[in-house]
């Protein structure tokens, strides 16, 4: 095949016309930007995130932690959260980074799309599981600071392990319908002039009841709006209780360091108390 541009001639591309960008140049820039972001940037973030999560799991599970007593209960929350987050990152790599690096962009046809329904479902499972584990961890910290007596009754390791298993199982069951939103069909693609495996949407997402009750209401209640509001509210309460505890500890520390009963000592103590109150 010979080049349509003869030697010594300059190829005229539609990149610019009178110094302005054309649609073709914008599309080209968009593809290059998508290749960098979805490809190398995403792959780098996935690699770093997975390595750090694995290191966290190794630290929380190392035998050295048992020398000073039983493993803290909060470790179990963090281990489950690290597992969910690692799985979520790997799914992001399979859905966006790998096809972009291999094909140049995310394709909706070809042999690779066979795994899309599984990866899509697992991505929603990991996202839901991560949100619910963070919710459980935040509720645990709230009871530990705001209701310590009640927290002692529910912080047993067996109960925490069962709670995390139930949360994970519910996240899996809640996300299972996502698998039936996509299907792979082997069909003729006209603009490619060949038969390919193509990822397609099933009639399920077009069902009005499914979209209203599961996708919209269920999404708001279980992994978007309501969990965000609850997390924000509990975090504010935890922050307030921490500030109160720190102020109380400082006051008690000043009182323990109170000098002997003398006029100068009393004046010094009054000045310190006034600063704490201010």
C-alpha atoms as a PDB file:
ATOM      1  CA  UNK A   1       0.000   0.000   0.000  1.00  0.00           C
ATOM      2  CA  UNK A   2       1.434   3.352  -1.042  1.00  0.00           C
ATOM      3  CA  UNK A   3       1.019   6.551   0.883  1.00  0.00           C
ATOM      4  CA  UNK A   4      -1.402   9.080  -0.593  1.00  0.00           C
ATOM      5  CA  UNK A   5       1.098  11.832   0.213  1.00  0.00           C
ATOM      6  CA  UNK A   6       3.974  12.060  -2.237  1.00  0.00           C
ATOM      7  CA  UNK A   7       7.533  12.631  -1.150  1.00  0.00           C
ATOM      8  CA  UNK A   8       8.347  16.223  -0.336  1.00  0.00           C
ATOM      9  CA  UNK A   9       4.690  17.175   0.106  1.00  0.00           C
ATOM     10  CA  UNK A  10       3.048  18.114   3.374  1.00  0.00           C
ATOM     11  CA  UNK A  11      -0.038  16.244   4.476  1.00  0.00           C
ATOM     12  CA  UNK A  12      -2.968  18.552   5.138  1.00  0.00           C
ATOM     13  CA  UNK A  13      -4.852  17.304   8.184  1.00  0.00           C
ATOM     14  CA  UNK A  14      -8.145  18.631   9.511  1.00  0.00           C
ATOM     15  CA  UNK A  15      -6.488  19.569  12.787  1.00  0.00           C
ATOM     16  CA  UNK A  16      -6.917  23.303  12.355  1.00  0.00           C
ATOM     17  CA  UNK A  17      -8.700  25.596  10.004  1.00  0.00           C
ATOM     18  CA  UNK A  18      -7.620  29.264  10.106  1.00  0.00           C
ATOM     19  CA  UNK A  19      -5.947  28.670  13.471  1.00  0.00           C
ATOM     20  CA  UNK A  20      -9.035  27.166  15.120  1.00  0.00           C
ATOM     21  CA  UNK A  21      -9.673  23.611  16.251  1.00  0.00           C
ATOM     22  CA  UNK A  22     -12.014  21.473  14.219  1.00  0.00           C
ATOM     23  CA  UNK A  23     -14.256  18.652  15.353  1.00  0.00           C
ATOM     24  CA  UNK A  24     -11.733  16.038  14.229  1.00  0.00           C
ATOM     25  CA  UNK A  25      -8.968  17.612  16.282  1.00  0.00           C
ATOM     26  CA  UNK A  26     -11.207  17.760  19.338  1.00  0.00           C
ATOM     27  CA  UNK A  27     -12.155  14.100  18.941  1.00  0.00           C
ATOM     28  CA  UNK A  28      -8.489  13.198  18.614  1.00  0.00           C
ATOM     29  CA  UNK A  29      -7.602  15.129  21.755  1.00  0.00           C
ATOM     30  CA  UNK A  30     -10.490  13.498  23.604  1.00  0.00           C
ATOM     31  CA  UNK A  31      -9.266  10.023  22.639  1.00  0.00           C
ATOM     32  CA  UNK A  32      -5.710  10.800  23.707  1.00  0.00           C
ATOM     33  CA  UNK A  33      -6.891  12.250  27.009  1.00  0.00           C
ATOM     34  CA  UNK A  34      -9.129   9.239  27.624  1.00  0.00           C
ATOM     35  CA  UNK A  35      -6.271   6.886  26.830  1.00  0.00           C
ATOM     36  CA  UNK A  36      -4.000   8.555  29.377  1.00  0.00           C
ATOM     37  CA  UNK A  37      -6.627   8.842  32.139  1.00  0.00           C
ATOM     38  CA  UNK A  38      -8.426   5.522  31.684  1.00  0.00           C
ATOM     39  CA  UNK A  39      -5.209   3.722  30.816  1.00  0.00           C
ATOM     40  CA  UNK A  40      -2.023   4.700  32.593  1.00  0.00           C
ATOM     41  CA  UNK A  41      -3.408   6.969  35.308  1.00  0.00           C
ATOM     42  CA  UNK A  42      -6.062   4.467  36.358  1.00  0.00           C
ATOM     43  CA  UNK A  43      -3.585   1.575  36.229  1.00  0.00           C
ATOM     44  CA  UNK A  44      -1.130   3.494  38.413  1.00  0.00           C
ATOM     45  CA  UNK A  45      -3.781   4.374  40.988  1.00  0.00           C
ATOM     46  CA  UNK A  46      -5.039   0.786  41.034  1.00  0.00           C
ATOM     47  CA  UNK A  47      -1.525  -0.558  41.572  1.00  0.00           C
ATOM     48  CA  UNK A  48      -0.713   1.882  44.382  1.00  0.00           C
ATOM     49  CA  UNK A  49      -4.095   1.374  46.059  1.00  0.00           C
ATOM     50  CA  UNK A  50      -3.862  -2.427  45.936  1.00  0.00           C
ATOM     51  CA  UNK A  51      -0.320  -2.438  47.335  1.00  0.00           C
ATOM     52  CA  UNK A  52      -1.264  -0.139  50.219  1.00  0.00           C
ATOM     53  CA  UNK A  53      -4.410  -2.127  51.018  1.00  0.00           C
ATOM     54  CA  UNK A  54      -2.465  -5.397  51.042  1.00  0.00           C
ATOM     55  CA  UNK A  55       0.115  -3.845  53.364  1.00  0.00           C
ATOM     56  CA  UNK A  56      -2.670  -2.711  55.704  1.00  0.00           C
ATOM     57  CA  UNK A  57      -4.179  -6.203  55.769  1.00  0.00           C
ATOM     58  CA  UNK A  58      -0.758  -7.730  56.483  1.00  0.00           C
ATOM     59  CA  UNK A  59      -0.160  -5.287  59.345  1.00  0.00           C
ATOM     60  CA  UNK A  60      -3.570  -5.907  60.898  1.00  0.00           C
ATOM     61  CA  UNK A  61      -3.145  -9.690  60.668  1.00  0.00           C
ATOM     62  CA  UNK A  62       0.470  -9.991  61.748  1.00  0.00           C
ATOM     63  CA  UNK A  63       1.085 -12.153  64.854  1.00  0.00           C
ATOM     64  CA  UNK A  64       3.010  -9.361  66.583  1.00  0.00           C
ATOM     65  CA  UNK A  65      -0.301  -7.632  67.279  1.00  0.00           C
ATOM     66  CA  UNK A  66      -1.217 -10.277  69.863  1.00  0.00           C
ATOM     67  CA  UNK A  67       1.732  -9.622  72.157  1.00  0.00           C
ATOM     68  CA  UNK A  68       0.004  -6.736  73.896  1.00  0.00           C
ATOM     69  CA  UNK A  69      -3.334  -8.545  74.143  1.00  0.00           C
ATOM     70  CA  UNK A  70      -6.191  -9.482  71.837  1.00  0.00           C
ATOM     71  CA  UNK A  71      -6.429  -7.856  68.438  1.00  0.00           C
ATOM     72  CA  UNK A  72      -8.493  -4.630  68.607  1.00  0.00           C
ATOM     73  CA  UNK A  73     -12.031  -5.011  67.274  1.00  0.00           C
ATOM     74  CA  UNK A  74     -11.596  -2.084  64.898  1.00  0.00           C
ATOM     75  CA  UNK A  75      -9.002  -4.123  62.975  1.00  0.00           C
ATOM     76  CA  UNK A  76     -11.732  -6.406  61.650  1.00  0.00           C
ATOM     77  CA  UNK A  77     -13.617  -3.432  60.187  1.00  0.00           C
ATOM     78  CA  UNK A  78     -10.446  -2.156  58.539  1.00  0.00           C
ATOM     79  CA  UNK A  79      -9.536  -5.586  57.139  1.00  0.00           C
ATOM     80  CA  UNK A  80     -12.957  -6.024  55.533  1.00  0.00           C
ATOM     81  CA  UNK A  81     -12.838  -2.472  54.196  1.00  0.00           C
ATOM     82  CA  UNK A  82      -9.393  -3.046  52.670  1.00  0.00           C
ATOM     83  CA  UNK A  83     -10.604  -6.256  50.992  1.00  0.00           C
ATOM     84  CA  UNK A  84     -13.662  -4.544  49.498  1.00  0.00           C
ATOM     85  CA  UNK A  85     -11.614  -1.569  48.318  1.00  0.00           C
ATOM     86  CA  UNK A  86      -8.964  -3.792  46.725  1.00  0.00           C
ATOM     87  CA  UNK A  87     -11.632  -5.715  44.828  1.00  0.00           C
ATOM     88  CA  UNK A  88     -13.195  -2.447  43.693  1.00  0.00           C
ATOM     89  CA  UNK A  89      -9.856  -1.214  42.353  1.00  0.00           C
ATOM     90  CA  UNK A  90      -9.251  -4.463  40.462  1.00  0.00           C
ATOM     91  CA  UNK A  91     -12.674  -4.177  38.854  1.00  0.00           C
ATOM     92  CA  UNK A  92     -11.872  -0.632  37.767  1.00  0.00           C
ATOM     93  CA  UNK A  93      -8.712  -1.959  36.133  1.00  0.00           C
ATOM     94  CA  UNK A  94     -10.623  -4.698  34.274  1.00  0.00           C
ATOM     95  CA  UNK A  95     -13.412  -2.386  33.103  1.00  0.00           C
ATOM     96  CA  UNK A  96     -11.420   0.676  32.075  1.00  0.00           C
ATOM     97  CA  UNK A  97      -7.644   0.409  32.280  1.00  0.00           C
ATOM     98  CA  UNK A  98      -6.883  -2.964  30.674  1.00  0.00           C
ATOM     99  CA  UNK A  99      -9.129  -2.568  27.582  1.00  0.00           C
ATOM    100  CA  UNK A 100      -7.837   0.976  27.095  1.00  0.00           C
ATOM    101  CA  UNK A 101      -4.207  -0.113  27.216  1.00  0.00           C
ATOM    102  CA  UNK A 102      -4.827  -3.181  25.044  1.00  0.00           C
ATOM    103  CA  UNK A 103      -7.254  -1.822  22.444  1.00  0.00           C
ATOM    104  CA  UNK A 104      -6.615   1.906  22.744  1.00  0.00           C
ATOM    105  CA  UNK A 105     -10.082   2.607  24.133  1.00  0.00           C
ATOM    106  CA  UNK A 106     -12.930   0.902  25.976  1.00  0.00           C
ATOM    107  CA  UNK A 107     -14.681  -1.293  23.420  1.00  0.00           C
ATOM    108  CA  UNK A 108     -18.185  -2.717  23.563  1.00  0.00           C
ATOM    109  CA  UNK A 109     -17.492  -5.549  21.146  1.00  0.00           C
ATOM    110  CA  UNK A 110     -14.985  -8.353  20.813  1.00  0.00           C
ATOM    111  CA  UNK A 111     -14.068 -11.362  22.948  1.00  0.00           C
ATOM    112  CA  UNK A 112     -13.155  -9.211  25.953  1.00  0.00           C
ATOM    113  CA  UNK A 113     -16.750  -8.061  26.544  1.00  0.00           C
ATOM    114  CA  UNK A 114     -17.734 -11.562  27.662  1.00  0.00           C
ATOM    115  CA  UNK A 115     -16.566 -10.723  31.184  1.00  0.00           C
ATOM    116  CA  UNK A 116     -18.342  -7.340  31.311  1.00  0.00           C
ATOM    117  CA  UNK A 117     -21.565  -8.571  32.998  1.00  0.00           C
ATOM    118  CA  UNK A 118     -19.529 -10.251  35.751  1.00  0.00           C
ATOM    119  CA  UNK A 119     -17.191  -7.300  36.258  1.00  0.00           C
ATOM    120  CA  UNK A 120     -20.091  -4.836  36.191  1.00  0.00           C
ATOM    121  CA  UNK A 121     -21.971  -6.808  38.848  1.00  0.00           C
ATOM    122  CA  UNK A 122     -18.876  -7.252  41.010  1.00  0.00           C
ATOM    123  CA  UNK A 123     -18.114  -3.536  40.776  1.00  0.00           C
ATOM    124  CA  UNK A 124     -21.527  -2.681  42.196  1.00  0.00           C
ATOM    125  CA  UNK A 125     -21.097  -5.317  44.903  1.00  0.00           C
ATOM    126  CA  UNK A 126     -17.761  -3.911  46.002  1.00  0.00           C
ATOM    127  CA  UNK A 127     -19.047  -0.340  45.962  1.00  0.00           C
ATOM    128  CA  UNK A 128     -22.060  -1.261  48.091  1.00  0.00           C
ATOM    129  CA  UNK A 129     -19.953  -3.411  50.423  1.00  0.00           C
ATOM    130  CA  UNK A 130     -17.441  -0.606  50.956  1.00  0.00           C
ATOM    131  CA  UNK A 131     -20.174   1.883  51.827  1.00  0.00           C
ATOM    132  CA  UNK A 132     -21.839  -0.495  54.261  1.00  0.00           C
ATOM    133  CA  UNK A 133     -18.589  -1.431  56.012  1.00  0.00           C
ATOM    134  CA  UNK A 134     -17.766   2.257  56.449  1.00  0.00           C
ATOM    135  CA  UNK A 135     -21.264   2.722  57.876  1.00  0.00           C
ATOM    136  CA  UNK A 136     -20.742  -0.129  60.343  1.00  0.00           C
ATOM    137  CA  UNK A 137     -17.343   1.264  61.352  1.00  0.00           C
ATOM    138  CA  UNK A 138     -18.741   4.763  61.878  1.00  0.00           C
ATOM    139  CA  UNK A 139     -21.637   3.446  63.979  1.00  0.00           C
ATOM    140  CA  UNK A 140     -19.146   1.448  66.076  1.00  0.00           C
ATOM    141  CA  UNK A 141     -17.019   4.548  66.693  1.00  0.00           C
ATOM    142  CA  UNK A 142     -20.132   6.559  67.535  1.00  0.00           C
ATOM    143  CA  UNK A 143     -21.201   4.106  70.229  1.00  0.00           C
ATOM    144  CA  UNK A 144     -17.633   3.831  71.544  1.00  0.00           C
ATOM    145  CA  UNK A 145     -17.431   7.601  72.146  1.00  0.00           C
ATOM    146  CA  UNK A 146     -21.024   8.623  72.797  1.00  0.00           C
ATOM    147  CA  UNK A 147     -22.427   5.476  74.465  1.00  0.00           C
ATOM    148  CA  UNK A 148     -19.464   3.578  75.924  1.00  0.00           C
ATOM    149  CA  UNK A 149     -21.562   1.325  78.178  1.00  0.00           C
ATOM    150  CA  UNK A 150     -23.705   0.131  75.288  1.00  0.00           C
ATOM    151  CA  UNK A 151     -20.597  -0.285  73.146  1.00  0.00           C
ATOM    152  CA  UNK A 152     -19.063  -2.714  75.624  1.00  0.00           C
ATOM    153  CA  UNK A 153     -22.043  -5.017  75.179  1.00  0.00           C
ATOM    154  CA  UNK A 154     -21.775  -5.127  71.375  1.00  0.00           C
ATOM    155  CA  UNK A 155     -18.009  -5.037  70.808  1.00  0.00           C
ATOM    156  CA  UNK A 156     -17.428  -8.771  71.239  1.00  0.00           C
ATOM    157  CA  UNK A 157     -15.265 -10.154  68.446  1.00  0.00           C
ATOM    158  CA  UNK A 158     -17.702 -12.898  67.514  1.00  0.00           C
ATOM    159  CA  UNK A 159     -20.509 -10.380  67.123  1.00  0.00           C
ATOM    160  CA  UNK A 160     -18.351  -8.056  65.047  1.00  0.00           C
ATOM    161  CA  UNK A 161     -17.265 -10.888  62.759  1.00  0.00           C
ATOM    162  CA  UNK A 162     -20.866 -12.024  62.292  1.00  0.00           C
ATOM    163  CA  UNK A 163     -21.950  -8.443  61.635  1.00  0.00           C
ATOM    164  CA  UNK A 164     -19.321  -7.972  58.931  1.00  0.00           C
ATOM    165  CA  UNK A 165     -20.212 -11.302  57.322  1.00  0.00           C
ATOM    166  CA  UNK A 166     -23.885 -10.353  57.266  1.00  0.00           C
ATOM    167  CA  UNK A 167     -23.098  -6.907  55.845  1.00  0.00           C
ATOM    168  CA  UNK A 168     -20.967  -8.450  53.105  1.00  0.00           C
ATOM    169  CA  UNK A 169     -23.598 -11.076  52.258  1.00  0.00           C
ATOM    170  CA  UNK A 170     -26.328  -8.425  52.070  1.00  0.00           C
ATOM    171  CA  UNK A 171     -24.174  -6.286  49.777  1.00  0.00           C
ATOM    172  CA  UNK A 172     -23.753  -9.256  47.442  1.00  0.00           C
ATOM    173  CA  UNK A 173     -27.464 -10.091  47.429  1.00  0.00           C
ATOM    174  CA  UNK A 174     -28.476  -6.468  46.942  1.00  0.00           C
ATOM    175  CA  UNK A 175     -26.244  -6.120  43.866  1.00  0.00           C
ATOM    176  CA  UNK A 176     -27.141  -9.416  42.169  1.00  0.00           C
ATOM    177  CA  UNK A 177     -29.896  -7.875  39.969  1.00  0.00           C
ATOM    178  CA  UNK A 178     -27.193  -5.814  38.232  1.00  0.00           C
ATOM    179  CA  UNK A 179     -25.998  -8.958  36.505  1.00  0.00           C
ATOM    180  CA  UNK A 180     -29.247  -9.146  34.552  1.00  0.00           C
ATOM    181  CA  UNK A 181     -28.905  -5.602  33.210  1.00  0.00           C
ATOM    182  CA  UNK A 182     -26.310  -6.602  30.609  1.00  0.00           C
ATOM    183  CA  UNK A 183     -26.024  -9.436  28.138  1.00  0.00           C
ATOM    184  CA  UNK A 184     -23.517 -10.543  25.495  1.00  0.00           C
ATOM    185  CA  UNK A 185     -24.865 -11.247  22.001  1.00  0.00           C
ATOM    186  CA  UNK A 186     -22.956 -12.621  19.031  1.00  0.00           C
ATOM    187  CA  UNK A 187     -24.154 -10.608  16.069  1.00  0.00           C
ATOM    188  CA  UNK A 188     -23.147  -8.948  12.825  1.00  0.00           C
ATOM    189  CA  UNK A 189     -21.777  -5.427  13.219  1.00  0.00           C
ATOM    190  CA  UNK A 190     -22.354  -3.456  10.034  1.00  0.00           C
ATOM    191  CA  UNK A 191     -19.748  -0.728  10.445  1.00  0.00           C
ATOM    192  CA  UNK A 192     -17.138  -3.395  11.241  1.00  0.00           C
ATOM    193  CA  UNK A 193     -18.371  -5.736   8.518  1.00  0.00           C
ATOM    194  CA  UNK A 194     -18.092  -8.850  10.651  1.00  0.00           C
ATOM    195  CA  UNK A 195     -19.578 -10.919  13.468  1.00  0.00           C
ATOM    196  CA  UNK A 196     -18.551  -9.993  16.996  1.00  0.00           C
ATOM    197  CA  UNK A 197     -19.566 -10.489  20.593  1.00  0.00           C
ATOM    198  CA  UNK A 198     -21.353  -7.287  21.574  1.00  0.00           C
ATOM    199  CA  UNK A 199     -22.341  -6.098  25.038  1.00  0.00           C
ATOM    200  CA  UNK A 200     -25.990  -5.029  25.097  1.00  0.00           C
ATOM    201  CA  UNK A 201     -28.520  -3.778  27.586  1.00  0.00           C
ATOM    202  CA  UNK A 202     -31.306  -6.141  28.590  1.00  0.00           C
ATOM    203  CA  UNK A 203     -34.963  -5.065  28.897  1.00  0.00           C
ATOM    204  CA  UNK A 204     -34.612  -5.021  32.701  1.00  0.00           C
ATOM    205  CA  UNK A 205     -33.240  -1.439  33.010  1.00  0.00           C
ATOM    206  CA  UNK A 206     -36.098  -0.272  30.786  1.00  0.00           C
ATOM    207  CA  UNK A 207     -38.637  -1.583  33.286  1.00  0.00           C
ATOM    208  CA  UNK A 208     -40.160   1.424  35.042  1.00  0.00           C
ATOM    209  CA  UNK A 209     -40.789  -0.356  38.362  1.00  0.00           C
ATOM    210  CA  UNK A 210     -37.236  -1.678  38.428  1.00  0.00           C
ATOM    211  CA  UNK A 211     -35.763   1.732  37.747  1.00  0.00           C
ATOM    212  CA  UNK A 212     -37.909   3.537  40.321  1.00  0.00           C
ATOM    213  CA  UNK A 213     -37.770   1.118  43.248  1.00  0.00           C
ATOM    214  CA  UNK A 214     -34.391  -0.541  42.791  1.00  0.00           C
ATOM    215  CA  UNK A 215     -32.130   1.858  40.920  1.00  0.00           C
ATOM    216  CA  UNK A 216     -33.466   5.196  42.198  1.00  0.00           C
ATOM    217  CA  UNK A 217     -35.072   4.597  45.606  1.00  0.00           C
ATOM    218  CA  UNK A 218     -32.797   1.681  46.468  1.00  0.00           C
ATOM    219  CA  UNK A 219     -29.749   3.632  45.406  1.00  0.00           C
ATOM    220  CA  UNK A 220     -30.712   6.664  47.478  1.00  0.00           C
ATOM    221  CA  UNK A 221     -31.450   4.552  50.549  1.00  0.00           C
ATOM    222  CA  UNK A 222     -28.584   2.083  50.517  1.00  0.00           C
ATOM    223  CA  UNK A 223     -25.444   3.495  48.890  1.00  0.00           C
ATOM    224  CA  UNK A 224     -25.719   7.182  47.993  1.00  0.00           C
ATOM    225  CA  UNK A 225     -27.804   9.894  49.689  1.00  0.00           C
ATOM    226  CA  UNK A 226     -28.984   8.326  52.954  1.00  0.00           C
ATOM    227  CA  UNK A 227     -25.628   6.680  53.828  1.00  0.00           C
ATOM    228  CA  UNK A 228     -23.843   9.957  53.082  1.00  0.00           C
ATOM    229  CA  UNK A 229     -26.182  11.901  55.368  1.00  0.00           C
ATOM    230  CA  UNK A 230     -25.854   9.317  58.144  1.00  0.00           C
ATOM    231  CA  UNK A 231     -22.064   9.263  57.842  1.00  0.00           C
ATOM    232  CA  UNK A 232     -21.880  13.047  57.919  1.00  0.00           C
ATOM    233  CA  UNK A 233     -24.176  13.284  60.962  1.00  0.00           C
ATOM    234  CA  UNK A 234     -22.343  10.623  62.944  1.00  0.00           C
ATOM    235  CA  UNK A 235     -18.952  12.088  62.010  1.00  0.00           C
ATOM    236  CA  UNK A 236     -20.031  15.493  63.309  1.00  0.00           C
ATOM    237  CA  UNK A 237     -21.253  13.918  66.567  1.00  0.00           C
ATOM    238  CA  UNK A 238     -17.992  11.991  66.941  1.00  0.00           C
ATOM    239  CA  UNK A 239     -15.962  15.152  66.317  1.00  0.00           C
ATOM    240  CA  UNK A 240     -17.936  17.063  68.948  1.00  0.00           C
ATOM    241  CA  UNK A 241     -17.480  14.289  71.521  1.00  0.00           C
ATOM    242  CA  UNK A 242     -13.748  14.129  70.789  1.00  0.00           C
ATOM    243  CA  UNK A 243     -13.371  17.868  71.291  1.00  0.00           C
ATOM    244  CA  UNK A 244     -15.274  17.637  74.568  1.00  0.00           C
ATOM    245  CA  UNK A 245     -13.122  14.751  75.761  1.00  0.00           C
ATOM    246  CA  UNK A 246      -9.920  16.613  74.859  1.00  0.00           C
ATOM    247  CA  UNK A 247     -11.087  19.759  76.663  1.00  0.00           C
ATOM    248  CA  UNK A 248     -12.091  17.724  79.710  1.00  0.00           C
ATOM    249  CA  UNK A 249      -8.744  15.940  79.794  1.00  0.00           C
ATOM    250  CA  UNK A 250      -6.868  19.241  79.590  1.00  0.00           C
ATOM    251  CA  UNK A 251      -8.916  20.649  82.458  1.00  0.00           C
ATOM    252  CA  UNK A 252      -8.251  17.588  84.600  1.00  0.00           C
ATOM    253  CA  UNK A 253      -4.552  17.759  83.743  1.00  0.00           C
ATOM    254  CA  UNK A 254      -4.374  21.372  84.874  1.00  0.00           C
ATOM    255  CA  UNK A 255      -6.150  20.498  88.121  1.00  0.00           C
ATOM    256  CA  UNK A 256      -3.733  17.652  88.892  1.00  0.00           C
ATOM    257  CA  UNK A 257      -0.826  20.021  88.412  1.00  0.00           C
ATOM    258  CA  UNK A 258      -2.370  22.564  90.816  1.00  0.00           C
ATOM    259  CA  UNK A 259       0.334  24.078  93.110  1.00  0.00           C
ATOM    260  CA  UNK A 260       0.181  24.156  96.890  1.00  0.00           C
ATOM    261  CA  UNK A 261      -2.467  26.146  98.742  1.00  0.00           C
ATOM    262  CA  UNK A 262      -1.033  29.633  98.463  1.00  0.00           C
ATOM    263  CA  UNK A 263      -2.350  32.962  97.188  1.00  0.00           C
ATOM    264  CA  UNK A 264       0.037  32.891  94.233  1.00  0.00           C
ATOM    265  CA  UNK A 265      -0.936  29.298  93.468  1.00  0.00           C
ATOM    266  CA  UNK A 266      -4.627  30.133  93.594  1.00  0.00           C
ATOM    267  CA  UNK A 267      -4.128  33.057  91.242  1.00  0.00           C
ATOM    268  CA  UNK A 268      -2.185  30.844  88.841  1.00  0.00           C
ATOM    269  CA  UNK A 269      -4.908  28.165  88.921  1.00  0.00           C
ATOM    270  CA  UNK A 270      -7.632  30.768  88.280  1.00  0.00           C
ATOM    271  CA  UNK A 271      -5.682  32.076  85.283  1.00  0.00           C
ATOM    272  CA  UNK A 272      -5.263  28.572  83.800  1.00  0.00           C
ATOM    273  CA  UNK A 273      -8.955  27.767  84.323  1.00  0.00           C
ATOM    274  CA  UNK A 274      -9.942  30.993  82.639  1.00  0.00           C
ATOM    275  CA  UNK A 275      -7.770  30.176  79.598  1.00  0.00           C
ATOM    276  CA  UNK A 276      -9.343  26.722  79.290  1.00  0.00           C
ATOM    277  CA  UNK A 277     -12.846  28.154  79.498  1.00  0.00           C
ATOM    278  CA  UNK A 278     -12.007  30.763  76.875  1.00  0.00           C
END
